[in-house]
């Protein structure tokens, strides 16, 4: 979601009726929260966090730092190394502490294989240290190493699966980082033909047990998502929107009732996720409710209530 969600009830209703997870396009990035040195402004990000929380939408933080030199705040680009070190320390403490306990994930140093702004200026372990600092400030989110071209373009050797794995190990084997809940983030740029292949891409990702979530850089045309618009400016579905809505409907387990057999058992197949089950004894009309989660580790297990 982007900042337009704060000004449009149509956008709010469209998003909240479909999605349980979100990433903000720019609102949490350094150039958005501190465009001028020493003048932090989290107004938009805070409002988007509140909207998400009010609607039960979990947030994937994007991002603490971006290693691309072109996307630093203008004032950061000219800092000497020691001043950059102090500014970056202030930034990470500010943003991670501010949203501690409110996020399920962070892209800590975004696109860390393609670019090396912080390593070039502060030393080869700069990013590893930022992962360590983020974890100390808020140990709950999964800390992602997010990159593009790893899965959709084999010609970019810099971010090949092998090089990605090597960089991943370097960061998370850095002293003190071994216990960080790490995440593999593969950010695919699929170009103008995305709508044609969107269902195939989403089904393939959803089917893999290691994929914990899918975030799309897509949305309604009203808010500027023109490359991959899910709706037109009136919030009526485009072809890509129909694909997404149909898959959400297919993958969302509906409420259902079942009776046990004579031995008191029944079985069903469930997608990974959280469930609530209510058991009622027809003889006494007494009931009890329990919640449980199906994960890749619990697949095939029997749950007893």
C-alpha atoms as a PDB file:
ATOM      1  CA  UNK A   1       0.000   0.000   0.000  1.00  0.00           C
ATOM      2  CA  UNK A   2       1.096   3.584  -0.471  1.00  0.00           C
ATOM      3  CA  UNK A   3       0.172   6.900   1.138  1.00  0.00           C
ATOM      4  CA  UNK A   4      -2.995   7.266  -0.980  1.00  0.00           C
ATOM      5  CA  UNK A   5      -4.693   4.792   1.357  1.00  0.00           C
ATOM      6  CA  UNK A   6      -4.895   7.579   3.951  1.00  0.00           C
ATOM      7  CA  UNK A   7      -7.030   9.761   1.669  1.00  0.00           C
ATOM      8  CA  UNK A   8      -9.347   7.290  -0.047  1.00  0.00           C
ATOM      9  CA  UNK A   9     -12.046   5.230   1.662  1.00  0.00           C
ATOM     10  CA  UNK A  10     -12.448   3.265  -1.586  1.00  0.00           C
ATOM     11  CA  UNK A  11      -8.787   2.260  -1.413  1.00  0.00           C
ATOM     12  CA  UNK A  12      -9.138   1.414   2.275  1.00  0.00           C
ATOM     13  CA  UNK A  13     -12.201  -0.757   1.708  1.00  0.00           C
ATOM     14  CA  UNK A  14     -10.671  -2.466  -1.324  1.00  0.00           C
ATOM     15  CA  UNK A  15      -7.457  -3.328   0.532  1.00  0.00           C
ATOM     16  CA  UNK A  16      -8.898  -4.320   3.921  1.00  0.00           C
ATOM     17  CA  UNK A  17     -11.517  -6.602   2.354  1.00  0.00           C
ATOM     18  CA  UNK A  18      -8.835  -8.685   0.634  1.00  0.00           C
ATOM     19  CA  UNK A  19      -5.408  -8.605   2.212  1.00  0.00           C
ATOM     20  CA  UNK A  20      -4.025  -9.588   5.604  1.00  0.00           C
ATOM     21  CA  UNK A  21      -0.402  -8.542   4.929  1.00  0.00           C
ATOM     22  CA  UNK A  22       1.215  -5.428   3.523  1.00  0.00           C
ATOM     23  CA  UNK A  23       4.448  -3.652   2.711  1.00  0.00           C
ATOM     24  CA  UNK A  24       4.559   0.121   2.332  1.00  0.00           C
ATOM     25  CA  UNK A  25       6.079   1.358  -0.931  1.00  0.00           C
ATOM     26  CA  UNK A  26       8.098   4.328   0.381  1.00  0.00           C
ATOM     27  CA  UNK A  27       6.664   5.546   3.690  1.00  0.00           C
ATOM     28  CA  UNK A  28       9.243   3.888   5.961  1.00  0.00           C
ATOM     29  CA  UNK A  29      12.311   4.523   3.778  1.00  0.00           C
ATOM     30  CA  UNK A  30      15.010   6.864   5.036  1.00  0.00           C
ATOM     31  CA  UNK A  31      14.480   9.434   2.277  1.00  0.00           C
ATOM     32  CA  UNK A  32      10.804   9.628   3.292  1.00  0.00           C
ATOM     33  CA  UNK A  33      11.234   9.924   7.063  1.00  0.00           C
ATOM     34  CA  UNK A  34      14.270  12.252   7.132  1.00  0.00           C
ATOM     35  CA  UNK A  35      14.401  14.206   3.876  1.00  0.00           C
ATOM     36  CA  UNK A  36      16.384  16.920   5.690  1.00  0.00           C
ATOM     37  CA  UNK A  37      19.063  16.030   8.190  1.00  0.00           C
ATOM     38  CA  UNK A  38      17.799  16.073  11.749  1.00  0.00           C
ATOM     39  CA  UNK A  39      14.157  16.615  10.745  1.00  0.00           C
ATOM     40  CA  UNK A  40      12.424  13.278  11.170  1.00  0.00           C
ATOM     41  CA  UNK A  41       8.810  12.969  10.101  1.00  0.00           C
ATOM     42  CA  UNK A  42       6.958   9.679  10.582  1.00  0.00           C
ATOM     43  CA  UNK A  43       3.460  11.124  10.147  1.00  0.00           C
ATOM     44  CA  UNK A  44       2.546   9.149   7.030  1.00  0.00           C
ATOM     45  CA  UNK A  45       4.191   5.896   8.123  1.00  0.00           C
ATOM     46  CA  UNK A  46       2.552   6.100  11.558  1.00  0.00           C
ATOM     47  CA  UNK A  47      -0.887   6.643  10.016  1.00  0.00           C
ATOM     48  CA  UNK A  48      -0.422   3.694   7.665  1.00  0.00           C
ATOM     49  CA  UNK A  49       0.678   1.505  10.573  1.00  0.00           C
ATOM     50  CA  UNK A  50      -2.430   2.520  12.518  1.00  0.00           C
ATOM     51  CA  UNK A  51      -4.706   1.758   9.574  1.00  0.00           C
ATOM     52  CA  UNK A  52      -3.078  -1.657   9.196  1.00  0.00           C
ATOM     53  CA  UNK A  53      -3.373  -2.467  12.885  1.00  0.00           C
ATOM     54  CA  UNK A  54      -6.997  -1.296  13.032  1.00  0.00           C
ATOM     55  CA  UNK A  55      -7.830  -3.683  10.186  1.00  0.00           C
ATOM     56  CA  UNK A  56      -5.837  -6.713  11.338  1.00  0.00           C
ATOM     57  CA  UNK A  57      -3.236  -6.366   8.571  1.00  0.00           C
ATOM     58  CA  UNK A  58       0.311  -7.501   9.400  1.00  0.00           C
ATOM     59  CA  UNK A  59       3.195  -5.318   8.195  1.00  0.00           C
ATOM     60  CA  UNK A  60       6.476  -6.267   6.526  1.00  0.00           C
ATOM     61  CA  UNK A  61       8.853  -3.362   7.152  1.00  0.00           C
ATOM     62  CA  UNK A  62      10.525  -1.919   4.047  1.00  0.00           C
ATOM     63  CA  UNK A  63      13.223  -0.850   4.620  1.00  0.00           C
ATOM     64  CA  UNK A  64      15.769   0.147   7.287  1.00  0.00           C
ATOM     65  CA  UNK A  65      18.508   0.861   4.711  1.00  0.00           C
ATOM     66  CA  UNK A  66      18.813   0.638   0.938  1.00  0.00           C
ATOM     67  CA  UNK A  67      22.322  -0.145  -0.293  1.00  0.00           C
ATOM     68  CA  UNK A  68      21.776   1.596  -3.646  1.00  0.00           C
ATOM     69  CA  UNK A  69      23.703   4.915  -3.548  1.00  0.00           C
ATOM     70  CA  UNK A  70      21.065   6.560  -5.754  1.00  0.00           C
ATOM     71  CA  UNK A  71      18.335   6.100  -3.146  1.00  0.00           C
ATOM     72  CA  UNK A  72      19.996   7.648  -0.121  1.00  0.00           C
ATOM     73  CA  UNK A  73      18.562  10.926   1.160  1.00  0.00           C
ATOM     74  CA  UNK A  74      20.335  13.710  -0.728  1.00  0.00           C
ATOM     75  CA  UNK A  75      22.086  14.947   2.387  1.00  0.00           C
ATOM     76  CA  UNK A  76      23.433  11.465   3.161  1.00  0.00           C
ATOM     77  CA  UNK A  77      25.236  11.160  -0.180  1.00  0.00           C
ATOM     78  CA  UNK A  78      27.745  13.869   0.747  1.00  0.00           C
ATOM     79  CA  UNK A  79      28.586  12.770   4.298  1.00  0.00           C
ATOM     80  CA  UNK A  80      32.105  11.811   5.275  1.00  0.00           C
ATOM     81  CA  UNK A  81      32.426   8.232   6.610  1.00  0.00           C
ATOM     82  CA  UNK A  82      32.388   9.125  10.312  1.00  0.00           C
ATOM     83  CA  UNK A  83      29.388  11.431   9.870  1.00  0.00           C
ATOM     84  CA  UNK A  84      27.640   8.723   7.825  1.00  0.00           C
ATOM     85  CA  UNK A  85      28.282   6.206  10.582  1.00  0.00           C
ATOM     86  CA  UNK A  86      26.640   8.486  13.154  1.00  0.00           C
ATOM     87  CA  UNK A  87      23.699   9.310  10.875  1.00  0.00           C
ATOM     88  CA  UNK A  88      23.093   5.633  10.064  1.00  0.00           C
ATOM     89  CA  UNK A  89      23.249   4.698  13.747  1.00  0.00           C
ATOM     90  CA  UNK A  90      20.663   7.379  14.522  1.00  0.00           C
ATOM     91  CA  UNK A  91      18.467   6.182  11.669  1.00  0.00           C
ATOM     92  CA  UNK A  92      18.443   2.506  12.626  1.00  0.00           C
ATOM     93  CA  UNK A  93      17.783   3.237  16.282  1.00  0.00           C
ATOM     94  CA  UNK A  94      14.976   5.607  15.355  1.00  0.00           C
ATOM     95  CA  UNK A  95      13.004   3.528  12.865  1.00  0.00           C
ATOM     96  CA  UNK A  96      13.456   0.048  14.369  1.00  0.00           C
ATOM     97  CA  UNK A  97      12.702   1.217  17.902  1.00  0.00           C
ATOM     98  CA  UNK A  98       9.683   3.196  16.731  1.00  0.00           C
ATOM     99  CA  UNK A  99       7.986   0.155  15.215  1.00  0.00           C
ATOM    100  CA  UNK A 100       9.312  -2.476  17.619  1.00  0.00           C
ATOM    101  CA  UNK A 101       6.671  -5.114  18.267  1.00  0.00           C
ATOM    102  CA  UNK A 102       4.486  -3.869  15.398  1.00  0.00           C
ATOM    103  CA  UNK A 103       6.086  -5.623  12.406  1.00  0.00           C
ATOM    104  CA  UNK A 104       6.396  -9.242  11.325  1.00  0.00           C
ATOM    105  CA  UNK A 105       9.484  -8.631   9.153  1.00  0.00           C
ATOM    106  CA  UNK A 106      12.137  -6.115   8.120  1.00  0.00           C
ATOM    107  CA  UNK A 107      14.111  -5.670   4.923  1.00  0.00           C
ATOM    108  CA  UNK A 108      17.161  -4.569   6.884  1.00  0.00           C
ATOM    109  CA  UNK A 109      19.621  -3.701   4.092  1.00  0.00           C
ATOM    110  CA  UNK A 110      17.756  -3.845   0.807  1.00  0.00           C
ATOM    111  CA  UNK A 111      19.435  -5.077  -2.409  1.00  0.00           C
ATOM    112  CA  UNK A 112      22.688  -5.850  -0.629  1.00  0.00           C
ATOM    113  CA  UNK A 113      24.210  -7.893  -3.467  1.00  0.00           C
ATOM    114  CA  UNK A 114      23.612  -5.430  -6.271  1.00  0.00           C
ATOM    115  CA  UNK A 115      24.848  -2.436  -4.293  1.00  0.00           C
ATOM    116  CA  UNK A 116      27.307  -1.659  -1.491  1.00  0.00           C
ATOM    117  CA  UNK A 117      26.927   1.972  -0.425  1.00  0.00           C
ATOM    118  CA  UNK A 118      27.378   1.245   3.280  1.00  0.00           C
ATOM    119  CA  UNK A 119      30.142  -1.327   2.783  1.00  0.00           C
ATOM    120  CA  UNK A 120      32.075   1.036   0.515  1.00  0.00           C
ATOM    121  CA  UNK A 121      31.915   3.836   3.065  1.00  0.00           C
ATOM    122  CA  UNK A 122      31.875   2.022   6.415  1.00  0.00           C
ATOM    123  CA  UNK A 123      33.602  -1.324   5.865  1.00  0.00           C
ATOM    124  CA  UNK A 124      32.730  -4.796   4.620  1.00  0.00           C
ATOM    125  CA  UNK A 125      30.778  -5.779   7.771  1.00  0.00           C
ATOM    126  CA  UNK A 126      28.495  -2.727   7.767  1.00  0.00           C
ATOM    127  CA  UNK A 127      25.365  -4.624   6.726  1.00  0.00           C
ATOM    128  CA  UNK A 128      26.066  -7.539   9.070  1.00  0.00           C
ATOM    129  CA  UNK A 129      26.290  -5.050  11.936  1.00  0.00           C
ATOM    130  CA  UNK A 130      22.966  -3.456  10.942  1.00  0.00           C
ATOM    131  CA  UNK A 131      21.252  -6.845  11.066  1.00  0.00           C
ATOM    132  CA  UNK A 132      22.719  -7.357  14.524  1.00  0.00           C
ATOM    133  CA  UNK A 133      21.570  -3.933  15.690  1.00  0.00           C
ATOM    134  CA  UNK A 134      18.052  -4.411  14.304  1.00  0.00           C
ATOM    135  CA  UNK A 135      17.724  -7.732  16.083  1.00  0.00           C
ATOM    136  CA  UNK A 136      18.847  -6.225  19.393  1.00  0.00           C
ATOM    137  CA  UNK A 137      16.356  -3.377  19.057  1.00  0.00           C
ATOM    138  CA  UNK A 138      13.464  -5.657  18.098  1.00  0.00           C
ATOM    139  CA  UNK A 139      13.995  -9.440  18.130  1.00  0.00           C
ATOM    140  CA  UNK A 140      10.499 -10.337  16.897  1.00  0.00           C
ATOM    141  CA  UNK A 141      10.485  -9.613  13.114  1.00  0.00           C
ATOM    142  CA  UNK A 142      12.039 -11.943  10.577  1.00  0.00           C
ATOM    143  CA  UNK A 143      15.072 -10.136   9.135  1.00  0.00           C
ATOM    144  CA  UNK A 144      15.152 -10.445   5.344  1.00  0.00           C
ATOM    145  CA  UNK A 145      17.943 -10.225   2.821  1.00  0.00           C
ATOM    146  CA  UNK A 146      15.910  -8.930  -0.120  1.00  0.00           C
ATOM    147  CA  UNK A 147      17.206  -8.995  -3.708  1.00  0.00           C
ATOM    148  CA  UNK A 148      16.000  -8.990  -7.308  1.00  0.00           C
ATOM    149  CA  UNK A 149      16.950 -11.027 -10.414  1.00  0.00           C
ATOM    150  CA  UNK A 150      17.741 -14.145  -8.351  1.00  0.00           C
ATOM    151  CA  UNK A 151      14.721 -16.097  -9.582  1.00  0.00           C
ATOM    152  CA  UNK A 152      13.574 -14.393 -12.782  1.00  0.00           C
ATOM    153  CA  UNK A 153      16.752 -13.531 -14.683  1.00  0.00           C
ATOM    154  CA  UNK A 154      19.600 -16.011 -14.958  1.00  0.00           C
ATOM    155  CA  UNK A 155      21.965 -13.556 -16.638  1.00  0.00           C
ATOM    156  CA  UNK A 156      22.662 -11.509 -13.517  1.00  0.00           C
ATOM    157  CA  UNK A 157      25.539 -13.480 -12.015  1.00  0.00           C
ATOM    158  CA  UNK A 158      25.965 -10.981  -9.195  1.00  0.00           C
ATOM    159  CA  UNK A 159      22.750 -12.267  -7.582  1.00  0.00           C
ATOM    160  CA  UNK A 160      22.763 -15.874  -8.763  1.00  0.00           C
ATOM    161  CA  UNK A 161      21.343 -18.365  -6.235  1.00  0.00           C
ATOM    162  CA  UNK A 162      24.887 -19.400  -5.351  1.00  0.00           C
ATOM    163  CA  UNK A 163      26.069 -15.847  -4.721  1.00  0.00           C
ATOM    164  CA  UNK A 164      22.887 -15.055  -2.829  1.00  0.00           C
ATOM    165  CA  UNK A 165      23.444 -18.062  -0.569  1.00  0.00           C
ATOM    166  CA  UNK A 166      27.057 -17.028   0.013  1.00  0.00           C
ATOM    167  CA  UNK A 167      26.075 -13.472   1.018  1.00  0.00           C
ATOM    168  CA  UNK A 168      23.254 -14.781   3.197  1.00  0.00           C
ATOM    169  CA  UNK A 169      25.708 -16.968   5.111  1.00  0.00           C
ATOM    170  CA  UNK A 170      28.172 -14.085   5.502  1.00  0.00           C
ATOM    171  CA  UNK A 171      25.564 -11.878   7.140  1.00  0.00           C
ATOM    172  CA  UNK A 172      23.919 -14.452   9.377  1.00  0.00           C
ATOM    173  CA  UNK A 173      27.126 -16.167  10.471  1.00  0.00           C
ATOM    174  CA  UNK A 174      28.595 -12.843  11.617  1.00  0.00           C
ATOM    175  CA  UNK A 175      29.357 -13.118  15.356  1.00  0.00           C
ATOM    176  CA  UNK A 176      26.127 -12.609  17.290  1.00  0.00           C
ATOM    177  CA  UNK A 177      23.840 -13.021  14.256  1.00  0.00           C
ATOM    178  CA  UNK A 178      23.412 -16.777  14.458  1.00  0.00           C
ATOM    179  CA  UNK A 179      20.083 -16.591  16.327  1.00  0.00           C
ATOM    180  CA  UNK A 180      18.471 -13.925  14.149  1.00  0.00           C
ATOM    181  CA  UNK A 181      15.234 -15.189  12.529  1.00  0.00           C
ATOM    182  CA  UNK A 182      16.488 -14.809   8.957  1.00  0.00           C
ATOM    183  CA  UNK A 183      14.418 -14.557   5.798  1.00  0.00           C
ATOM    184  CA  UNK A 184      15.157 -15.159   2.123  1.00  0.00           C
ATOM    185  CA  UNK A 185      13.522 -12.405   0.069  1.00  0.00           C
ATOM    186  CA  UNK A 186      13.477 -12.924  -3.701  1.00  0.00           C
ATOM    187  CA  UNK A 187      11.984  -9.876  -5.358  1.00  0.00           C
ATOM    188  CA  UNK A 188      10.987 -10.655  -8.943  1.00  0.00           C
ATOM    189  CA  UNK A 189      10.685  -8.023 -11.672  1.00  0.00           C
ATOM    190  CA  UNK A 190       8.560  -9.754 -14.292  1.00  0.00           C
ATOM    191  CA  UNK A 191       7.933  -6.835 -16.669  1.00  0.00           C
ATOM    192  CA  UNK A 192       4.939  -5.865 -18.775  1.00  0.00           C
ATOM    193  CA  UNK A 193       3.775  -9.454 -19.353  1.00  0.00           C
ATOM    194  CA  UNK A 194       3.124 -10.053 -15.660  1.00  0.00           C
ATOM    195  CA  UNK A 195      -0.666 -10.180 -15.997  1.00  0.00           C
ATOM    196  CA  UNK A 196      -0.386 -12.898 -18.652  1.00  0.00           C
ATOM    197  CA  UNK A 197       1.705 -15.133 -16.371  1.00  0.00           C
ATOM    198  CA  UNK A 198       0.570 -13.856 -12.980  1.00  0.00           C
ATOM    199  CA  UNK A 199      -1.497 -16.877 -12.013  1.00  0.00           C
ATOM    200  CA  UNK A 200       1.338 -19.249 -12.927  1.00  0.00           C
ATOM    201  CA  UNK A 201       3.847 -17.229 -10.876  1.00  0.00           C
ATOM    202  CA  UNK A 202       1.585 -17.015  -7.819  1.00  0.00           C
ATOM    203  CA  UNK A 203       0.634 -20.702  -7.913  1.00  0.00           C
ATOM    204  CA  UNK A 204       4.257 -21.764  -8.174  1.00  0.00           C
ATOM    205  CA  UNK A 205       5.255 -19.611  -5.209  1.00  0.00           C
ATOM    206  CA  UNK A 206       2.266 -20.670  -3.107  1.00  0.00           C
ATOM    207  CA  UNK A 207       2.937 -24.363  -3.711  1.00  0.00           C
ATOM    208  CA  UNK A 208       6.442 -24.323  -2.221  1.00  0.00           C
ATOM    209  CA  UNK A 209       6.453 -25.106   1.525  1.00  0.00           C
ATOM    210  CA  UNK A 210       9.377 -22.723   2.188  1.00  0.00           C
ATOM    211  CA  UNK A 211       7.455 -19.710   0.886  1.00  0.00           C
ATOM    212  CA  UNK A 212       5.914 -18.015   3.896  1.00  0.00           C
ATOM    213  CA  UNK A 213       4.304 -15.124   2.064  1.00  0.00           C
ATOM    214  CA  UNK A 214       3.851 -13.292  -1.218  1.00  0.00           C
ATOM    215  CA  UNK A 215       3.909  -9.499  -1.439  1.00  0.00           C
ATOM    216  CA  UNK A 216       3.027  -7.888  -4.775  1.00  0.00           C
ATOM    217  CA  UNK A 217       4.134  -4.435  -5.873  1.00  0.00           C
ATOM    218  CA  UNK A 218       0.702  -3.927  -7.310  1.00  0.00           C
ATOM    219  CA  UNK A 219      -2.535  -2.146  -6.515  1.00  0.00           C
ATOM    220  CA  UNK A 220      -5.278   0.045  -7.909  1.00  0.00           C
ATOM    221  CA  UNK A 221      -4.559   2.373 -10.839  1.00  0.00           C
ATOM    222  CA  UNK A 222      -5.981   5.224  -8.750  1.00  0.00           C
ATOM    223  CA  UNK A 223      -2.860   5.159  -6.578  1.00  0.00           C
ATOM    224  CA  UNK A 224      -0.270   5.028  -9.355  1.00  0.00           C
ATOM    225  CA  UNK A 225       0.214   1.265  -9.714  1.00  0.00           C
ATOM    226  CA  UNK A 226       0.026   1.441 -13.483  1.00  0.00           C
ATOM    227  CA  UNK A 227       2.545  -1.268 -14.420  1.00  0.00           C
ATOM    228  CA  UNK A 228       0.580  -3.948 -12.565  1.00  0.00           C
ATOM    229  CA  UNK A 229      -2.845  -2.451 -11.916  1.00  0.00           C
ATOM    230  CA  UNK A 230      -5.285  -4.758 -10.165  1.00  0.00           C
ATOM    231  CA  UNK A 231      -8.186  -2.324 -10.613  1.00  0.00           C
ATOM    232  CA  UNK A 232      -8.962   0.691 -12.743  1.00  0.00           C
ATOM    233  CA  UNK A 233      -9.408   4.164 -11.267  1.00  0.00           C
ATOM    234  CA  UNK A 234     -12.972   3.299 -10.255  1.00  0.00           C
ATOM    235  CA  UNK A 235     -11.767   0.223  -8.332  1.00  0.00           C
ATOM    236  CA  UNK A 236     -13.275  -2.209 -10.828  1.00  0.00           C
ATOM    237  CA  UNK A 237     -11.077  -5.236 -11.423  1.00  0.00           C
ATOM    238  CA  UNK A 238      -8.588  -5.411 -14.249  1.00  0.00           C
ATOM    239  CA  UNK A 239      -7.573  -8.918 -15.502  1.00  0.00           C
ATOM    240  CA  UNK A 240      -4.784  -9.124 -12.908  1.00  0.00           C
ATOM    241  CA  UNK A 241      -7.273  -8.197 -10.193  1.00  0.00           C
ATOM    242  CA  UNK A 242      -9.563 -11.052 -11.191  1.00  0.00           C
ATOM    243  CA  UNK A 243      -6.636 -13.460 -10.937  1.00  0.00           C
ATOM    244  CA  UNK A 244      -5.734 -12.261  -7.432  1.00  0.00           C
ATOM    245  CA  UNK A 245      -9.319 -12.288  -6.165  1.00  0.00           C
ATOM    246  CA  UNK A 246      -9.966 -15.776  -7.544  1.00  0.00           C
ATOM    247  CA  UNK A 247      -6.800 -17.178  -5.951  1.00  0.00           C
ATOM    248  CA  UNK A 248      -7.607 -15.577  -2.583  1.00  0.00           C
ATOM    249  CA  UNK A 249     -11.042 -17.193  -2.739  1.00  0.00           C
ATOM    250  CA  UNK A 250      -9.581 -20.557  -3.723  1.00  0.00           C
ATOM    251  CA  UNK A 251      -6.850 -20.535  -1.070  1.00  0.00           C
ATOM    252  CA  UNK A 252      -8.990 -19.246   1.787  1.00  0.00           C
ATOM    253  CA  UNK A 253     -10.527 -22.140   3.692  1.00  0.00           C
ATOM    254  CA  UNK A 254     -14.261 -21.480   4.114  1.00  0.00           C
ATOM    255  CA  UNK A 255     -16.164 -22.119   7.303  1.00  0.00           C
ATOM    256  CA  UNK A 256     -17.477 -25.674   7.312  1.00  0.00           C
ATOM    257  CA  UNK A 257     -19.179 -28.139   9.621  1.00  0.00           C
ATOM    258  CA  UNK A 258     -18.303 -31.814  10.003  1.00  0.00           C
ATOM    259  CA  UNK A 259     -19.526 -34.714  12.098  1.00  0.00           C
ATOM    260  CA  UNK A 260     -17.203 -37.300  13.550  1.00  0.00           C
ATOM    261  CA  UNK A 261     -17.461 -40.988  12.767  1.00  0.00           C
ATOM    262  CA  UNK A 262     -18.418 -43.596  15.358  1.00  0.00           C
ATOM    263  CA  UNK A 263     -14.913 -43.471  16.779  1.00  0.00           C
ATOM    264  CA  UNK A 264     -15.054 -39.721  17.287  1.00  0.00           C
ATOM    265  CA  UNK A 265     -12.729 -38.813  14.396  1.00  0.00           C
ATOM    266  CA  UNK A 266     -12.916 -36.831  11.193  1.00  0.00           C
ATOM    267  CA  UNK A 267     -10.209 -35.729   8.781  1.00  0.00           C
ATOM    268  CA  UNK A 268      -9.741 -32.889   6.320  1.00  0.00           C
ATOM    269  CA  UNK A 269      -6.994 -31.231   4.306  1.00  0.00           C
ATOM    270  CA  UNK A 270      -6.025 -27.664   5.199  1.00  0.00           C
ATOM    271  CA  UNK A 271      -3.730 -25.044   3.755  1.00  0.00           C
ATOM    272  CA  UNK A 272      -1.011 -23.657   5.984  1.00  0.00           C
ATOM    273  CA  UNK A 273      -2.426 -21.002   8.311  1.00  0.00           C
ATOM    274  CA  UNK A 274      -4.295 -20.287  11.530  1.00  0.00           C
ATOM    275  CA  UNK A 275      -7.589 -21.989  12.319  1.00  0.00           C
ATOM    276  CA  UNK A 276     -10.302 -21.937  14.952  1.00  0.00           C
ATOM    277  CA  UNK A 277     -12.284 -25.087  15.672  1.00  0.00           C
ATOM    278  CA  UNK A 278     -15.415 -25.409  17.788  1.00  0.00           C
ATOM    279  CA  UNK A 279     -16.474 -28.851  19.047  1.00  0.00           C
ATOM    280  CA  UNK A 280     -20.052 -29.375  20.176  1.00  0.00           C
ATOM    281  CA  UNK A 281     -21.463 -32.378  22.000  1.00  0.00           C
ATOM    282  CA  UNK A 282     -25.024 -32.811  20.663  1.00  0.00           C
ATOM    283  CA  UNK A 283     -26.072 -34.764  23.716  1.00  0.00           C
ATOM    284  CA  UNK A 284     -25.358 -31.919  26.130  1.00  0.00           C
ATOM    285  CA  UNK A 285     -25.103 -28.997  23.661  1.00  0.00           C
ATOM    286  CA  UNK A 286     -21.833 -28.071  25.401  1.00  0.00           C
ATOM    287  CA  UNK A 287     -19.024 -26.742  23.219  1.00  0.00           C
ATOM    288  CA  UNK A 288     -15.391 -25.704  23.418  1.00  0.00           C
ATOM    289  CA  UNK A 289     -13.261 -23.660  21.020  1.00  0.00           C
ATOM    290  CA  UNK A 290      -9.544 -24.025  20.298  1.00  0.00           C
ATOM    291  CA  UNK A 291      -7.116 -22.313  17.954  1.00  0.00           C
ATOM    292  CA  UNK A 292      -4.243 -23.988  16.151  1.00  0.00           C
ATOM    293  CA  UNK A 293      -1.811 -23.342  13.318  1.00  0.00           C
ATOM    294  CA  UNK A 294      -0.922 -25.588  10.401  1.00  0.00           C
ATOM    295  CA  UNK A 295       2.716 -25.145   9.345  1.00  0.00           C
ATOM    296  CA  UNK A 296       5.054 -27.118   7.128  1.00  0.00           C
ATOM    297  CA  UNK A 297       6.328 -28.799  10.315  1.00  0.00           C
ATOM    298  CA  UNK A 298       2.829 -29.826  11.377  1.00  0.00           C
ATOM    299  CA  UNK A 299       1.690 -31.077   7.965  1.00  0.00           C
ATOM    300  CA  UNK A 300       0.359 -34.595   8.211  1.00  0.00           C
ATOM    301  CA  UNK A 301       0.006 -34.439  11.991  1.00  0.00           C
ATOM    302  CA  UNK A 302      -3.086 -35.314  13.969  1.00  0.00           C
ATOM    303  CA  UNK A 303      -4.420 -32.644  16.324  1.00  0.00           C
ATOM    304  CA  UNK A 304      -6.293 -33.703  19.440  1.00  0.00           C
ATOM    305  CA  UNK A 305      -8.826 -31.476  21.170  1.00  0.00           C
END
